[in-house]
């Protein structure tokens, strides 16, 4: 991976991490969000905060590249792949 691509991967990952930490609920609606990694993992906002350095220095193949944010609507069995804590669902009671 060349330096420009790596830089872009890191910047995008940091941007999404920061967005989740600052606003963990979607607007409008207030639905709980979580981070999605390049390997399909789910990260809670607390792990995005505690693993800020790993996410910010990702090289894309290490499992720390945040590629998007998603809403957990109903999956009451969704757990953070780092800390194994349940990720809050909007309707899954």
N, C-alpha and C. Protein backbone atom coordinates (compact mmCIF):
# COMPACT_ATOMS: atom_id res chain seq x y z
N UNK A 1 0.86 -1.17 0.00
CA UNK A 1 0.00 0.00 0.00
C UNK A 1 0.91 1.23 0.00
N UNK A 2 0.66 2.12 -0.95
CA UNK A 2 1.53 3.30 -0.98
C UNK A 2 1.14 4.31 0.10
N UNK A 3 1.99 5.26 0.34
CA UNK A 3 1.82 6.21 1.45
C UNK A 3 0.54 7.03 1.35
N UNK A 4 0.17 7.45 0.15
CA UNK A 4 -1.04 8.25 -0.01
C UNK A 4 -2.30 7.45 0.31
N UNK A 5 -2.33 6.22 -0.12
CA UNK A 5 -3.47 5.35 0.16
C UNK A 5 -3.54 5.07 1.66
N UNK A 6 -2.40 4.77 2.27
CA UNK A 6 -2.35 4.52 3.71
C UNK A 6 -2.85 5.74 4.48
N UNK A 7 -2.41 6.89 4.09
CA UNK A 7 -2.83 8.14 4.75
C UNK A 7 -4.34 8.32 4.65
N UNK A 8 -4.89 8.05 3.47
CA UNK A 8 -6.34 8.18 3.26
C UNK A 8 -7.12 7.18 4.12
N UNK A 9 -6.61 5.94 4.21
CA UNK A 9 -7.23 4.91 5.05
C UNK A 9 -7.26 5.37 6.50
N UNK A 10 -6.12 5.89 6.98
CA UNK A 10 -6.03 6.34 8.37
C UNK A 10 -6.93 7.54 8.64
N UNK A 11 -6.96 8.50 7.73
CA UNK A 11 -7.80 9.68 7.92
C UNK A 11 -9.28 9.33 7.97
N UNK A 12 -9.71 8.46 7.08
CA UNK A 12 -11.12 8.05 7.05
C UNK A 12 -11.48 7.27 8.32
N UNK A 13 -10.58 6.40 8.74
CA UNK A 13 -10.81 5.61 9.94
C UNK A 13 -10.91 6.52 11.17
N UNK A 14 -10.03 7.51 11.26
CA UNK A 14 -10.07 8.47 12.37
C UNK A 14 -11.36 9.29 12.37
N UNK A 15 -11.77 9.71 11.17
CA UNK A 15 -12.98 10.52 11.05
C UNK A 15 -14.21 9.76 11.56
N UNK A 16 -14.34 8.51 11.14
CA UNK A 16 -15.48 7.70 11.57
C UNK A 16 -15.40 7.40 13.07
N UNK A 17 -14.20 7.09 13.57
CA UNK A 17 -14.00 6.85 15.00
C UNK A 17 -14.46 8.07 15.81
N UNK A 18 -13.99 9.23 15.40
CA UNK A 18 -14.33 10.46 16.12
C UNK A 18 -15.83 10.77 16.06
N UNK A 19 -16.43 10.49 14.91
CA UNK A 19 -17.87 10.72 14.76
C UNK A 19 -18.66 9.85 15.74
N UNK A 20 -18.27 8.58 15.86
CA UNK A 20 -18.97 7.67 16.78
C UNK A 20 -18.77 8.07 18.23
N UNK A 21 -17.55 8.46 18.59
CA UNK A 21 -17.27 8.85 19.97
C UNK A 21 -18.07 10.10 20.34
N UNK A 22 -18.13 11.06 19.43
CA UNK A 22 -18.82 12.32 19.71
C UNK A 22 -20.33 12.20 19.62
N UNK A 23 -20.81 11.37 18.73
CA UNK A 23 -22.26 11.22 18.52
C UNK A 23 -22.61 9.75 18.36
N UNK A 24 -22.73 9.00 19.46
CA UNK A 24 -22.98 7.56 19.35
C UNK A 24 -24.41 7.19 18.95
N UNK A 25 -25.27 8.18 18.80
CA UNK A 25 -26.65 7.92 18.39
C UNK A 25 -26.94 8.68 17.10
N UNK A 26 -27.61 8.01 16.18
CA UNK A 26 -27.93 8.60 14.88
C UNK A 26 -28.93 9.73 15.03
N UNK A 27 -28.79 10.72 14.17
CA UNK A 27 -29.76 11.81 14.13
C UNK A 27 -30.29 11.90 12.71
N UNK A 28 -31.60 11.95 12.54
CA UNK A 28 -32.62 11.89 13.57
C UNK A 28 -32.89 10.46 14.00
N UNK A 29 -33.60 10.30 15.05
CA UNK A 29 -34.04 8.99 15.53
C UNK A 29 -33.41 8.53 16.81
N UNK A 30 -32.16 8.90 17.06
CA UNK A 30 -31.50 8.50 18.29
C UNK A 30 -31.14 7.02 18.36
N UNK A 31 -30.97 6.38 17.20
CA UNK A 31 -30.65 4.96 17.18
C UNK A 31 -29.18 4.74 17.55
N UNK A 32 -28.87 3.69 18.32
CA UNK A 32 -27.48 3.42 18.71
C UNK A 32 -26.64 2.97 17.52
N UNK A 33 -25.45 3.54 17.41
CA UNK A 33 -24.55 3.19 16.31
C UNK A 33 -23.33 2.43 16.82
N UNK A 34 -22.67 1.76 15.91
CA UNK A 34 -21.42 1.08 16.19
C UNK A 34 -20.54 1.18 14.96
N UNK A 35 -19.25 0.94 15.14
CA UNK A 35 -18.30 1.00 14.03
C UNK A 35 -18.19 -0.36 13.37
N UNK A 36 -18.03 -0.34 12.05
CA UNK A 36 -17.82 -1.55 11.26
C UNK A 36 -16.40 -1.51 10.73
N UNK A 37 -15.66 -2.60 10.91
CA UNK A 37 -14.28 -2.65 10.47
C UNK A 37 -14.16 -3.32 9.10
N UNK A 38 -12.98 -3.16 8.50
CA UNK A 38 -12.75 -3.71 7.15
C UNK A 38 -12.87 -5.23 7.10
N UNK A 39 -12.71 -5.89 8.23
CA UNK A 39 -12.84 -7.35 8.24
C UNK A 39 -14.23 -7.80 8.69
N UNK A 40 -15.17 -6.84 8.75
CA UNK A 40 -16.56 -7.17 9.10
C UNK A 40 -16.86 -7.16 10.58
N UNK A 41 -15.90 -6.75 11.39
CA UNK A 41 -16.11 -6.71 12.83
C UNK A 41 -16.96 -5.53 13.27
N UNK A 42 -17.44 -5.62 14.50
CA UNK A 42 -18.24 -4.55 15.10
C UNK A 42 -17.48 -4.04 16.33
N UNK A 43 -17.40 -2.71 16.46
CA UNK A 43 -16.74 -2.09 17.61
C UNK A 43 -17.70 -1.13 18.28
N UNK A 44 -17.78 -1.21 19.60
CA UNK A 44 -18.62 -0.28 20.36
C UNK A 44 -17.89 1.06 20.48
N UNK A 45 -18.62 2.07 20.89
CA UNK A 45 -18.02 3.40 21.01
C UNK A 45 -16.94 3.43 22.08
N UNK A 46 -17.10 2.66 23.14
CA UNK A 46 -16.09 2.64 24.20
C UNK A 46 -14.76 2.08 23.69
N UNK A 47 -14.82 1.06 22.87
CA UNK A 47 -13.59 0.50 22.32
C UNK A 47 -12.99 1.42 21.25
N UNK A 48 -13.83 2.13 20.53
CA UNK A 48 -13.31 3.12 19.59
C UNK A 48 -12.52 4.19 20.35
N UNK A 49 -12.99 4.50 21.52
CA UNK A 49 -12.28 5.50 22.34
C UNK A 49 -11.02 4.90 22.95
N UNK A 50 -11.12 3.73 23.56
CA UNK A 50 -9.96 3.14 24.24
C UNK A 50 -8.89 2.66 23.26
N UNK A 51 -9.29 2.30 22.06
CA UNK A 51 -8.35 1.82 21.04
C UNK A 51 -8.13 2.87 19.95
N UNK A 52 -8.26 4.12 20.35
CA UNK A 52 -8.13 5.26 19.43
C UNK A 52 -6.82 5.22 18.65
N UNK A 53 -5.75 4.88 19.33
CA UNK A 53 -4.43 4.84 18.68
C UNK A 53 -4.35 3.74 17.62
N UNK A 54 -4.87 2.57 17.93
CA UNK A 54 -4.86 1.46 16.97
C UNK A 54 -5.67 1.80 15.73
N UNK A 55 -6.81 2.43 15.94
CA UNK A 55 -7.66 2.83 14.81
C UNK A 55 -6.99 3.92 13.99
N UNK A 56 -6.37 4.87 14.67
CA UNK A 56 -5.73 5.99 13.99
C UNK A 56 -4.48 5.65 13.23
N UNK A 57 -3.84 4.52 13.58
CA UNK A 57 -2.60 4.13 12.90
C UNK A 57 -2.77 2.84 12.10
N UNK A 58 -4.00 2.48 11.80
CA UNK A 58 -4.28 1.26 11.04
C UNK A 58 -3.55 1.26 9.70
N UNK A 59 -3.18 0.09 9.26
CA UNK A 59 -2.62 -0.04 7.91
C UNK A 59 -3.60 -0.76 6.98
N UNK A 60 -4.79 -0.99 7.46
CA UNK A 60 -5.84 -1.54 6.62
C UNK A 60 -6.02 -3.05 6.71
N UNK A 61 -5.01 -3.79 7.11
CA UNK A 61 -5.14 -5.24 7.18
C UNK A 61 -5.01 -5.77 8.58
N UNK A 62 -5.16 -4.91 9.54
CA UNK A 62 -4.93 -5.28 10.94
C UNK A 62 -6.20 -5.42 11.77
N UNK A 63 -7.36 -5.24 11.15
CA UNK A 63 -8.63 -5.36 11.86
C UNK A 63 -9.09 -4.09 12.56
N UNK A 64 -8.31 -3.02 12.45
CA UNK A 64 -8.67 -1.76 13.13
C UNK A 64 -9.16 -0.69 12.17
N UNK A 65 -9.21 -0.97 10.88
CA UNK A 65 -9.68 0.03 9.92
C UNK A 65 -11.20 0.15 10.01
N UNK A 66 -11.68 1.30 10.45
CA UNK A 66 -13.12 1.56 10.52
C UNK A 66 -13.56 2.02 9.14
N UNK A 67 -14.49 1.28 8.55
CA UNK A 67 -14.93 1.58 7.19
C UNK A 67 -16.33 2.19 7.14
N UNK A 68 -17.02 2.15 8.28
CA UNK A 68 -18.36 2.72 8.30
C UNK A 68 -18.97 2.66 9.69
N UNK A 69 -20.09 3.32 9.81
CA UNK A 69 -20.89 3.28 11.02
C UNK A 69 -22.23 2.66 10.66
N UNK A 70 -22.78 1.90 11.56
CA UNK A 70 -24.07 1.27 11.30
C UNK A 70 -24.94 1.38 12.54
N UNK A 71 -26.22 1.14 12.32
CA UNK A 71 -27.20 1.18 13.41
C UNK A 71 -27.61 -0.24 13.74
N UNK A 72 -27.64 -0.54 15.01
CA UNK A 72 -28.14 -1.84 15.45
C UNK A 72 -29.62 -1.69 15.77
N UNK A 73 -30.46 -2.05 14.83
CA UNK A 73 -31.90 -1.89 15.02
C UNK A 73 -32.49 -2.95 15.95
N UNK A 74 -32.22 -4.23 15.69
CA UNK A 74 -32.93 -5.28 16.42
C UNK A 74 -32.07 -6.44 16.90
N UNK A 75 -30.80 -6.45 16.61
CA UNK A 75 -29.97 -7.60 16.95
C UNK A 75 -29.51 -7.55 18.41
N UNK A 76 -30.23 -8.26 19.26
CA UNK A 76 -29.88 -8.25 20.68
C UNK A 76 -28.68 -9.15 20.97
N UNK A 77 -28.20 -9.86 19.94
CA UNK A 77 -27.03 -10.72 20.07
C UNK A 77 -25.80 -10.17 19.37
N UNK A 78 -25.77 -8.84 19.16
CA UNK A 78 -24.61 -8.21 18.54
C UNK A 78 -23.66 -7.77 19.65
N UNK A 79 -22.42 -8.24 19.57
CA UNK A 79 -21.42 -7.94 20.59
C UNK A 79 -20.22 -7.26 19.94
N UNK A 80 -19.56 -6.42 20.71
CA UNK A 80 -18.33 -5.79 20.27
C UNK A 80 -17.27 -6.89 20.10
N UNK A 81 -16.58 -6.85 18.97
CA UNK A 81 -15.58 -7.87 18.70
C UNK A 81 -14.28 -7.65 19.48
N UNK A 82 -14.16 -6.54 20.17
CA UNK A 82 -12.96 -6.31 20.96
C UNK A 82 -13.19 -6.62 22.44
N UNK A 83 -14.25 -6.05 23.02
CA UNK A 83 -14.48 -6.21 24.46
C UNK A 83 -15.56 -7.23 24.80
N UNK A 84 -16.28 -7.71 23.81
CA UNK A 84 -17.34 -8.71 23.96
C UNK A 84 -18.56 -8.20 24.73
N UNK A 85 -18.69 -6.91 24.88
CA UNK A 85 -19.88 -6.35 25.51
C UNK A 85 -21.00 -6.22 24.49
N UNK A 86 -22.25 -6.35 24.90
CA UNK A 86 -23.35 -6.22 23.94
C UNK A 86 -23.41 -4.80 23.38
N UNK A 87 -23.75 -4.70 22.10
CA UNK A 87 -23.96 -3.40 21.47
C UNK A 87 -25.45 -3.12 21.53
N UNK A 88 -25.78 -2.00 22.10
CA UNK A 88 -27.18 -1.61 22.32
C UNK A 88 -27.98 -1.67 21.01
N UNK A 89 -29.19 -2.21 21.10
CA UNK A 89 -30.08 -2.23 19.94
C UNK A 89 -31.24 -1.27 20.16
N UNK A 90 -31.77 -0.78 19.07
CA UNK A 90 -32.86 0.19 19.14
C UNK A 90 -34.16 -0.47 19.55
N UNK A 91 -34.45 -1.65 19.02
CA UNK A 91 -35.74 -2.30 19.25
C UNK A 91 -35.65 -3.69 19.84
N UNK A 92 -34.45 -4.21 20.06
CA UNK A 92 -34.26 -5.61 20.43
C UNK A 92 -34.52 -5.94 21.88
N UNK A 93 -34.91 -4.98 22.66
CA UNK A 93 -35.15 -5.15 24.10
C UNK A 93 -34.34 -6.25 24.66
